[in-house]
Amino acid sequence: MVWYELADIFESQGDLLHAEHAYREALKYQPKYDVFLIAFGFFLWRIKRDQEAVEVLLRVQELRNLEPGLAERIQKALIAISEGQAYDERAEEIWKW
């Protein structure tokens, strides 16, 4: 959980390199934790690494027992990314959970 919190702090400070590292470290310890995967996927989308974002969000879809609302949000994000939509206000609405 500490790595995830550090990722959030680094990202809020604009330190994208360290934020990415912290997300990856968090996922080393909990590779199937949906919260970490979703946050990392949306982070990648925000920094315009769409293909990587899709790959991460698809990993979330493979998890069992996702809440229906969460699965729907992931699907909306994947559609938006595949349509070439940049991370914007609509994406922020999808992200909020």
Protein backbone atom coordinates (compact mmCIF):
# COMPACT_ATOMS: atom_id res chain seq x y z
CA MET A 1 0.00 0.00 0.00
CA VAL A 2 2.92 2.34 0.67
CA TRP A 3 4.09 2.17 -2.95
CA TYR A 4 0.61 3.02 -4.16
CA GLU A 5 0.43 6.02 -1.84
CA LEU A 6 3.87 7.15 -3.01
CA ALA A 7 2.73 6.86 -6.63
CA ASP A 8 -0.18 9.15 -5.87
CA ILE A 9 2.08 11.67 -4.14
CA PHE A 10 4.66 11.65 -6.93
CA GLU A 11 1.97 12.03 -9.56
CA SER A 12 0.35 14.95 -7.74
CA GLN A 13 3.77 16.63 -7.67
CA GLY A 14 4.25 16.07 -11.38
CA ASP A 15 7.08 13.59 -10.84
CA LEU A 16 5.89 11.09 -13.45
CA LEU A 17 9.07 9.01 -13.53
CA HIS A 18 8.92 8.24 -9.82
CA ALA A 19 5.13 7.83 -9.94
CA GLU A 20 5.44 5.15 -12.59
CA HIS A 21 8.16 3.39 -10.62
CA ALA A 22 6.01 3.43 -7.48
CA TYR A 23 2.98 2.04 -9.35
CA ARG A 24 5.12 -0.77 -10.76
CA GLU A 25 6.51 -1.54 -7.31
CA ALA A 26 3.01 -1.65 -5.85
CA LEU A 27 1.99 -4.11 -8.54
CA LYS A 28 5.01 -6.33 -7.83
CA TYR A 29 3.59 -6.99 -4.38
CA GLN A 30 -0.08 -7.15 -5.37
CA PRO A 31 -0.22 -7.85 -9.12
CA LYS A 32 -3.93 -8.64 -9.16
CA TYR A 33 -5.17 -5.86 -6.90
CA ASP A 34 -7.79 -4.09 -9.00
CA VAL A 35 -7.33 -0.69 -7.35
CA PHE A 36 -3.61 -0.60 -8.19
CA LEU A 37 -4.18 -1.85 -11.74
CA ILE A 38 -6.93 0.65 -12.44
CA ALA A 39 -4.96 3.57 -11.01
CA PHE A 40 -1.91 2.58 -13.05
CA GLY A 41 -3.98 2.14 -16.21
CA PHE A 42 -5.53 5.58 -15.83
CA PHE A 43 -2.10 7.05 -15.02
CA LEU A 44 -0.76 5.64 -18.29
CA TRP A 45 -3.75 7.07 -20.14
CA ARG A 46 -3.15 10.50 -18.58
CA ILE A 47 0.46 10.51 -19.75
CA LYS A 48 -0.61 9.46 -23.27
CA ARG A 49 0.71 5.91 -23.21
CA ASP A 50 -2.56 4.56 -24.49
CA GLN A 51 -1.45 1.09 -25.61
CA GLU A 52 0.08 0.36 -22.22
CA ALA A 53 -3.04 1.72 -20.53
CA VAL A 54 -5.18 -0.67 -22.55
CA GLU A 55 -2.95 -3.61 -21.63
CA VAL A 56 -3.20 -2.81 -17.92
CA LEU A 57 -6.96 -2.22 -18.01
CA LEU A 58 -7.47 -5.48 -19.88
CA ARG A 59 -5.68 -7.21 -17.01
CA VAL A 60 -8.32 -5.74 -14.71
CA GLN A 61 -11.09 -7.17 -16.87
CA GLU A 62 -9.55 -10.63 -16.49
CA LEU A 63 -9.97 -10.51 -12.72
CA ARG A 64 -12.91 -12.36 -11.30
CA ASN A 65 -15.53 -10.87 -9.03
CA LEU A 66 -15.26 -7.29 -10.23
CA GLU A 67 -18.12 -5.16 -9.05
CA PRO A 68 -20.52 -4.56 -11.96
CA GLY A 69 -20.11 -0.78 -11.77
CA LEU A 70 -16.34 -1.12 -11.81
CA ALA A 71 -16.38 -3.45 -14.80
CA GLU A 72 -18.59 -0.94 -16.63
CA ARG A 73 -16.16 1.90 -15.92
CA ILE A 74 -13.22 -0.12 -17.19
CA GLN A 75 -15.16 -0.89 -20.37
CA LYS A 76 -15.96 2.82 -20.88
CA ALA A 77 -12.29 3.70 -20.44
CA LEU A 78 -11.19 1.04 -22.93
CA ILE A 79 -13.69 2.31 -25.49
CA ALA A 80 -12.57 5.91 -24.99
CA ILE A 81 -8.91 4.99 -25.36
CA SER A 82 -9.56 2.86 -28.45
CA GLU A 83 -11.40 5.82 -30.00
CA GLY A 84 -8.29 7.94 -29.45
CA GLN A 85 -9.86 10.11 -26.80
CA ALA A 86 -7.35 12.01 -24.72
CA TYR A 87 -7.64 11.91 -20.95
CA ASP A 88 -10.02 14.80 -20.18
CA GLU A 89 -13.07 15.67 -18.08
CA ARG A 90 -15.01 12.68 -19.39
CA ALA A 91 -12.15 10.43 -18.38
CA GLU A 92 -12.14 12.01 -14.93
CA GLU A 93 -15.82 11.10 -14.59
CA ILE A 94 -15.04 7.50 -15.53
CA TRP A 95 -12.14 7.44 -13.07
CA LYS A 96 -14.13 8.65 -10.06
CA TRP A 97 -15.37 5.72 -8.05
